């Protein structure tokens, strides 16, 4: 289900992780960012910082099984 508003925080990270295998465009759309890939990545990086996890790109989420809550 596509989010109606851009997600943030842990909810964004969870959504992005769940959709990471589908690629950046799909993950951004599913997480409420539409075609705003730069905004999506910036929000994802910010959410990672809040969690104490470095997220540079979507692929980073595919390599991390358990993220801190």
PDB file of N, CA and C in Angstrom:
ATOM      1  N   UNK A   1       0.839  -1.176   0.000  1.00  0.00           N
ATOM      2  CA  UNK A   1       0.000   0.000   0.000  1.00  0.00           C
ATOM      3  C   UNK A   1       0.888   1.245   0.000  1.00  0.00           C
ATOM      4  N   UNK A   2       0.575   2.169  -0.837  1.00  0.00           N
ATOM      5  CA  UNK A   2       1.336   3.408  -0.949  1.00  0.00           C
ATOM      6  C   UNK A   2       0.924   4.356   0.170  1.00  0.00           C
ATOM      7  N   UNK A   3       1.928   4.915   0.852  1.00  0.00           N
ATOM      8  CA  UNK A   3       1.649   5.887   1.912  1.00  0.00           C
ATOM      9  C   UNK A   3       1.096   7.163   1.293  1.00  0.00           C
ATOM     10  N   UNK A   4       0.125   7.755   1.956  1.00  0.00           N
ATOM     11  CA  UNK A   4      -0.486   8.990   1.443  1.00  0.00           C
ATOM     12  C   UNK A   4       0.391  10.205   1.673  1.00  0.00           C
ATOM     13  N   UNK A   5       1.157  10.180   2.755  1.00  0.00           N
ATOM     14  CA  UNK A   5       2.080  11.258   3.086  1.00  0.00           C
ATOM     15  C   UNK A   5       3.468  10.657   3.231  1.00  0.00           C
ATOM     16  N   UNK A   6       4.511  11.442   3.006  1.00  0.00           N
ATOM     17  CA  UNK A   6       5.864  10.916   3.180  1.00  0.00           C
ATOM     18  C   UNK A   6       6.088  10.408   4.600  1.00  0.00           C
ATOM     19  N   UNK A   7       6.589   9.201   4.691  1.00  0.00           N
ATOM     20  CA  UNK A   7       6.880   8.603   5.980  1.00  0.00           C
ATOM     21  C   UNK A   7       8.179   9.163   6.531  1.00  0.00           C
ATOM     22  N   UNK A   8       8.366   9.047   7.842  1.00  0.00           N
ATOM     23  CA  UNK A   8       9.584   9.511   8.506  1.00  0.00           C
ATOM     24  C   UNK A   8       9.980   8.509   9.574  1.00  0.00           C
ATOM     25  N   UNK A   9      11.166   8.686  10.113  1.00  0.00           N
ATOM     26  CA  UNK A   9      11.632   7.891  11.245  1.00  0.00           C
ATOM     27  C   UNK A   9      11.684   6.398  10.971  1.00  0.00           C
ATOM     28  N   UNK A  10      11.450   5.631  12.021  1.00  0.00           N
ATOM     29  CA  UNK A  10      11.534   4.174  11.939  1.00  0.00           C
ATOM     30  C   UNK A  10      10.510   3.611  10.956  1.00  0.00           C
ATOM     31  N   UNK A  11       9.370   4.272  10.830  1.00  0.00           N
ATOM     32  CA  UNK A  11       8.342   3.799   9.893  1.00  0.00           C
ATOM     33  C   UNK A  11       8.868   3.905   8.463  1.00  0.00           C
ATOM     34  N   UNK A  12       9.576   4.979   8.159  1.00  0.00           N
ATOM     35  CA  UNK A  12      10.185   5.136   6.847  1.00  0.00           C
ATOM     36  C   UNK A  12      11.227   4.043   6.612  1.00  0.00           C
ATOM     37  N   UNK A  13      12.077   3.807   7.577  1.00  0.00           N
ATOM     38  CA  UNK A  13      13.123   2.790   7.433  1.00  0.00           C
ATOM     39  C   UNK A  13      12.500   1.417   7.227  1.00  0.00           C
ATOM     40  N   UNK A  14      11.473   1.096   7.994  1.00  0.00           N
ATOM     41  CA  UNK A  14      10.791  -0.191   7.841  1.00  0.00           C
ATOM     42  C   UNK A  14      10.180  -0.337   6.452  1.00  0.00           C
ATOM     43  N   UNK A  15       9.525   0.715   5.973  1.00  0.00           N
ATOM     44  CA  UNK A  15       8.910   0.694   4.654  1.00  0.00           C
ATOM     45  C   UNK A  15       9.976   0.553   3.567  1.00  0.00           C
ATOM     46  N   UNK A  16      11.032   1.330   3.679  1.00  0.00           N
ATOM     47  CA  UNK A  16      12.104   1.284   2.684  1.00  0.00           C
ATOM     48  C   UNK A  16      12.759  -0.090   2.660  1.00  0.00           C
ATOM     49  N   UNK A  17      12.992  -0.651   3.834  1.00  0.00           N
ATOM     50  CA  UNK A  17      13.601  -1.983   3.906  1.00  0.00           C
ATOM     51  C   UNK A  17      12.698  -3.025   3.268  1.00  0.00           C
ATOM     52  N   UNK A  18      11.409  -2.926   3.526  1.00  0.00           N
ATOM     53  CA  UNK A  18      10.451  -3.886   2.972  1.00  0.00           C
ATOM     54  C   UNK A  18      10.376  -3.806   1.454  1.00  0.00           C
ATOM     55  N   UNK A  19      10.685  -2.643   0.891  1.00  0.00           N
ATOM     56  CA  UNK A  19      10.579  -2.445  -0.553  1.00  0.00           C
ATOM     57  C   UNK A  19      11.930  -2.333  -1.254  1.00  0.00           C
ATOM     58  N   UNK A  20      13.015  -2.490  -0.525  1.00  0.00           N
ATOM     59  CA  UNK A  20      14.351  -2.293  -1.083  1.00  0.00           C
ATOM     60  C   UNK A  20      14.640  -3.215  -2.263  1.00  0.00           C
ATOM     61  N   UNK A  21      14.165  -4.441  -2.210  1.00  0.00           N
ATOM     62  CA  UNK A  21      14.436  -5.392  -3.290  1.00  0.00           C
ATOM     63  C   UNK A  21      13.778  -4.965  -4.601  1.00  0.00           C
ATOM     64  N   UNK A  22      12.761  -4.127  -4.531  1.00  0.00           N
ATOM     65  CA  UNK A  22      12.055  -3.673  -5.721  1.00  0.00           C
ATOM     66  C   UNK A  22      12.726  -2.479  -6.381  1.00  0.00           C
ATOM     67  N   UNK A  23      13.693  -1.886  -5.702  1.00  0.00           N
ATOM     68  CA  UNK A  23      14.421  -0.759  -6.270  1.00  0.00           C
ATOM     69  C   UNK A  23      14.031   0.577  -5.679  1.00  0.00           C
ATOM     70  N   UNK A  24      14.845   1.565  -5.981  1.00  0.00           N
ATOM     71  CA  UNK A  24      14.695   2.903  -5.417  1.00  0.00           C
ATOM     72  C   UNK A  24      13.372   3.566  -5.790  1.00  0.00           C
ATOM     73  N   UNK A  25      12.986   3.505  -7.048  1.00  0.00           N
ATOM     74  CA  UNK A  25      11.759   4.170  -7.487  1.00  0.00           C
ATOM     75  C   UNK A  25      10.531   3.597  -6.799  1.00  0.00           C
ATOM     76  N   UNK A  26      10.457   2.288  -6.693  1.00  0.00           N
ATOM     77  CA  UNK A  26       9.305   1.641  -6.038  1.00  0.00           C
ATOM     78  C   UNK A  26       9.301   1.971  -4.549  1.00  0.00           C
ATOM     79  N   UNK A  27      10.461   1.870  -3.905  1.00  0.00           N
ATOM     80  CA  UNK A  27      10.533   2.156  -2.472  1.00  0.00           C
ATOM     81  C   UNK A  27      10.122   3.592  -2.182  1.00  0.00           C
ATOM     82  N   UNK A  28      10.600   4.537  -2.983  1.00  0.00           N
ATOM     83  CA  UNK A  28      10.234   5.944  -2.775  1.00  0.00           C
ATOM     84  C   UNK A  28       8.728   6.138  -2.911  1.00  0.00           C
ATOM     85  N   UNK A  29       8.140   5.538  -3.930  1.00  0.00           N
ATOM     86  CA  UNK A  29       6.695   5.660  -4.141  1.00  0.00           C
ATOM     87  C   UNK A  29       5.909   5.027  -2.987  1.00  0.00           C
ATOM     88  N   UNK A  30       6.302   3.838  -2.593  1.00  0.00           N
ATOM     89  CA  UNK A  30       5.596   3.125  -1.526  1.00  0.00           C
ATOM     90  C   UNK A  30       5.670   3.872  -0.196  1.00  0.00           C
ATOM     91  N   UNK A  31       6.771   4.575   0.023  1.00  0.00           N
ATOM     92  CA  UNK A  31       6.976   5.295   1.284  1.00  0.00           C
ATOM     93  C   UNK A  31       6.415   6.714   1.261  1.00  0.00           C
ATOM     94  N   UNK A  32       5.713   7.067   0.177  1.00  0.00           N
ATOM     95  CA  UNK A  32       5.019   8.343   0.125  1.00  0.00           C
ATOM     96  C   UNK A  32       5.781   9.482  -0.514  1.00  0.00           C
ATOM     97  N   UNK A  33       6.894   9.197  -1.191  1.00  0.00           N
ATOM     98  CA  UNK A  33       7.701  10.255  -1.786  1.00  0.00           C
ATOM     99  C   UNK A  33       7.500  10.395  -3.291  1.00  0.00           C
ATOM    100  N   UNK A  34       6.613   9.608  -3.859  1.00  0.00           N
ATOM    101  CA  UNK A  34       6.342   9.703  -5.289  1.00  0.00           C
ATOM    102  C   UNK A  34       7.607   9.554  -6.101  1.00  0.00           C
ATOM    103  N   UNK A  35       7.884  10.524  -6.962  1.00  0.00           N
ATOM    104  CA  UNK A  35       9.095  10.480  -7.780  1.00  0.00           C
ATOM    105  C   UNK A  35      10.226  11.316  -7.171  1.00  0.00           C
ATOM    106  N   UNK A  36      10.053  11.760  -5.942  1.00  0.00           N
ATOM    107  CA  UNK A  36      11.062  12.579  -5.257  1.00  0.00           C
ATOM    108  C   UNK A  36      12.173  11.736  -4.660  1.00  0.00           C
ATOM    109  N   UNK A  37      13.022  11.199  -5.525  1.00  0.00           N
ATOM    110  CA  UNK A  37      14.072  10.289  -5.072  1.00  0.00           C
ATOM    111  C   UNK A  37      15.082  10.963  -4.142  1.00  0.00           C
ATOM    112  N   UNK A  38      15.450  12.195  -4.444  1.00  0.00           N
ATOM    113  CA  UNK A  38      16.407  12.906  -3.587  1.00  0.00           C
ATOM    114  C   UNK A  38      15.813  13.158  -2.205  1.00  0.00           C
ATOM    115  N   UNK A  39      14.548  13.551  -2.165  1.00  0.00           N
ATOM    116  CA  UNK A  39      13.878  13.783  -0.878  1.00  0.00           C
ATOM    117  C   UNK A  39      13.768  12.491  -0.088  1.00  0.00           C
ATOM    118  N   UNK A  40      13.450  11.410  -0.783  1.00  0.00           N
ATOM    119  CA  UNK A  40      13.343  10.104  -0.149  1.00  0.00           C
ATOM    120  C   UNK A  40      14.673   9.695   0.475  1.00  0.00           C
ATOM    121  N   UNK A  41      15.745   9.792  -0.288  1.00  0.00           N
ATOM    122  CA  UNK A  41      17.052   9.402   0.232  1.00  0.00           C
ATOM    123  C   UNK A  41      17.500  10.292   1.390  1.00  0.00           C
ATOM    124  N   UNK A  42      17.224  11.583   1.299  1.00  0.00           N
ATOM    125  CA  UNK A  42      17.586  12.500   2.380  1.00  0.00           C
ATOM    126  C   UNK A  42      16.819  12.146   3.659  1.00  0.00           C
ATOM    127  N   UNK A  43      15.533  11.869   3.529  1.00  0.00           N
ATOM    128  CA  UNK A  43      14.723  11.498   4.689  1.00  0.00           C
ATOM    129  C   UNK A  43      15.183  10.161   5.253  1.00  0.00           C
ATOM    130  N   UNK A  44      15.547   9.236   4.390  1.00  0.00           N
ATOM    131  CA  UNK A  44      16.024   7.928   4.823  1.00  0.00           C
ATOM    132  C   UNK A  44      17.343   8.057   5.578  1.00  0.00           C
ATOM    133  N   UNK A  45      18.239   8.881   5.071  1.00  0.00           N
ATOM    134  CA  UNK A  45      19.513   9.112   5.752  1.00  0.00           C
ATOM    135  C   UNK A  45      19.298   9.781   7.103  1.00  0.00           C
ATOM    136  N   UNK A  46      18.396  10.734   7.163  1.00  0.00           N
ATOM    137  CA  UNK A  46      18.076  11.413   8.414  1.00  0.00           C
ATOM    138  C   UNK A  46      17.478  10.441   9.432  1.00  0.00           C
ATOM    139  N   UNK A  47      16.580   9.596   8.976  1.00  0.00           N
ATOM    140  CA  UNK A  47      15.972   8.599   9.870  1.00  0.00           C
ATOM    141  C   UNK A  47      17.037   7.644  10.387  1.00  0.00           C
ATOM    142  N   UNK A  48      17.970   7.269   9.532  1.00  0.00           N
ATOM    143  CA  UNK A  48      19.064   6.402   9.963  1.00  0.00           C
ATOM    144  C   UNK A  48      19.909   7.060  11.036  1.00  0.00           C
ATOM    145  N   UNK A  49      20.218   8.339  10.847  1.00  0.00           N
ATOM    146  CA  UNK A  49      20.986   9.078  11.845  1.00  0.00           C
ATOM    147  C   UNK A  49      20.279   9.072  13.195  1.00  0.00           C
ATOM    148  N   UNK A  50      18.968   9.278  13.186  1.00  0.00           N
ATOM    149  CA  UNK A  50      18.186   9.280  14.420  1.00  0.00           C
ATOM    150  C   UNK A  50      18.267   7.931  15.127  1.00  0.00           C
ATOM    151  N   UNK A  51      18.405   6.867  14.337  1.00  0.00           N
ATOM    152  CA  UNK A  51      18.461   5.516  14.889  1.00  0.00           C
ATOM    153  C   UNK A  51      19.890   5.085  15.220  1.00  0.00           C
ATOM    154  N   UNK A  52      20.875   5.888  14.831  1.00  0.00           N
ATOM    155  CA  UNK A  52      22.267   5.521  15.057  1.00  0.00           C
ATOM    156  C   UNK A  52      22.798   4.535  14.026  1.00  0.00           C
ATOM    157  N   UNK A  53      22.188   4.544  12.832  1.00  0.00           N
ATOM    158  CA  UNK A  53      22.581   3.648  11.749  1.00  0.00           C
ATOM    159  C   UNK A  53      22.927   4.493  10.531  1.00  0.00           C
ATOM    160  N   UNK A  54      24.054   4.205   9.906  1.00  0.00           N
ATOM    161  CA  UNK A  54      24.435   4.944   8.710  1.00  0.00           C
ATOM    162  C   UNK A  54      23.766   4.324   7.494  1.00  0.00           C
ATOM    163  N   UNK A  55      22.957   5.120   6.811  1.00  0.00           N
ATOM    164  CA  UNK A  55      22.285   4.693   5.586  1.00  0.00           C
ATOM    165  C   UNK A  55      22.688   5.678   4.499  1.00  0.00           C
ATOM    166  N   UNK A  56      23.505   5.232   3.583  1.00  0.00           N
ATOM    167  CA  UNK A  56      23.945   6.079   2.480  1.00  0.00           C
ATOM    168  C   UNK A  56      23.037   5.922   1.266  1.00  0.00           C
ATOM    169  N   UNK A  57      22.574   4.689   1.050  1.00  0.00           N
ATOM    170  CA  UNK A  57      21.712   4.403  -0.094  1.00  0.00           C
ATOM    171  C   UNK A  57      20.762   3.279   0.279  1.00  0.00           C
ATOM    172  N   UNK A  58      19.770   3.071  -0.521  1.00  0.00           N
ATOM    173  CA  UNK A  58      18.753   2.062  -0.247  1.00  0.00           C
ATOM    174  C   UNK A  58      19.363   0.674  -0.097  1.00  0.00           C
ATOM    175  N   UNK A  59      20.366   0.387  -0.875  1.00  0.00           N
ATOM    176  CA  UNK A  59      21.024  -0.925  -0.840  1.00  0.00           C
ATOM    177  C   UNK A  59      21.548  -1.259   0.561  1.00  0.00           C
ATOM    178  N   UNK A  60      21.891  -0.251   1.347  1.00  0.00           N
ATOM    179  CA  UNK A  60      22.374  -0.481   2.705  1.00  0.00           C
ATOM    180  C   UNK A  60      21.343  -1.225   3.545  1.00  0.00           C
ATOM    181  N   UNK A  61      20.073  -0.989   3.296  1.00  0.00           N
ATOM    182  CA  UNK A  61      19.017  -1.647   4.058  1.00  0.00           C
ATOM    183  C   UNK A  61      18.888  -3.131   3.709  1.00  0.00           C
ATOM    184  N   UNK A  62      19.218  -3.479   2.500  1.00  0.00           N
ATOM    185  CA  UNK A  62      19.140  -4.879   2.087  1.00  0.00           C
ATOM    186  C   UNK A  62      20.208  -5.712   2.776  1.00  0.00           C
ATOM    187  N   UNK A  63      21.275  -5.062   3.238  1.00  0.00           N
ATOM    188  CA  UNK A  63      22.388  -5.758   3.862  1.00  0.00           C
ATOM    189  C   UNK A  63      22.289  -5.811   5.380  1.00  0.00           C
ATOM    190  N   UNK A  64      21.287  -5.169   5.960  1.00  0.00           N
ATOM    191  CA  UNK A  64      21.134  -5.119   7.411  1.00  0.00           C
ATOM    192  C   UNK A  64      19.872  -5.872   7.811  1.00  0.00           C
ATOM    193  N   UNK A  65      20.058  -6.954   8.507  1.00  0.00           N
ATOM    194  CA  UNK A  65      18.901  -7.760   8.930  1.00  0.00           C
ATOM    195  C   UNK A  65      18.146  -7.094  10.071  1.00  0.00           C
ATOM    196  N   UNK A  66      18.859  -6.747  11.119  1.00  0.00           N
ATOM    197  CA  UNK A  66      18.212  -6.180  12.300  1.00  0.00           C
ATOM    198  C   UNK A  66      18.714  -4.775  12.544  1.00  0.00           C
ATOM    199  N   UNK A  67      17.841  -3.814  12.437  1.00  0.00           N
ATOM    200  CA  UNK A  67      18.173  -2.430  12.724  1.00  0.00           C
ATOM    201  C   UNK A  67      17.755  -2.135  14.150  1.00  0.00           C
ATOM    202  N   UNK A  68      18.503  -1.285  14.847  1.00  0.00           N
ATOM    203  CA  UNK A  68      18.100  -0.921  16.211  1.00  0.00           C
ATOM    204  C   UNK A  68      16.742  -0.231  16.209  1.00  0.00           C
ATOM    205  N   UNK A  69      15.988  -0.452  17.245  1.00  0.00           N
ATOM    206  CA  UNK A  69      14.662   0.157  17.370  1.00  0.00           C
ATOM    207  C   UNK A  69      14.771   1.469  18.101  1.00  0.00           C
TER     208      UNK A  69
END
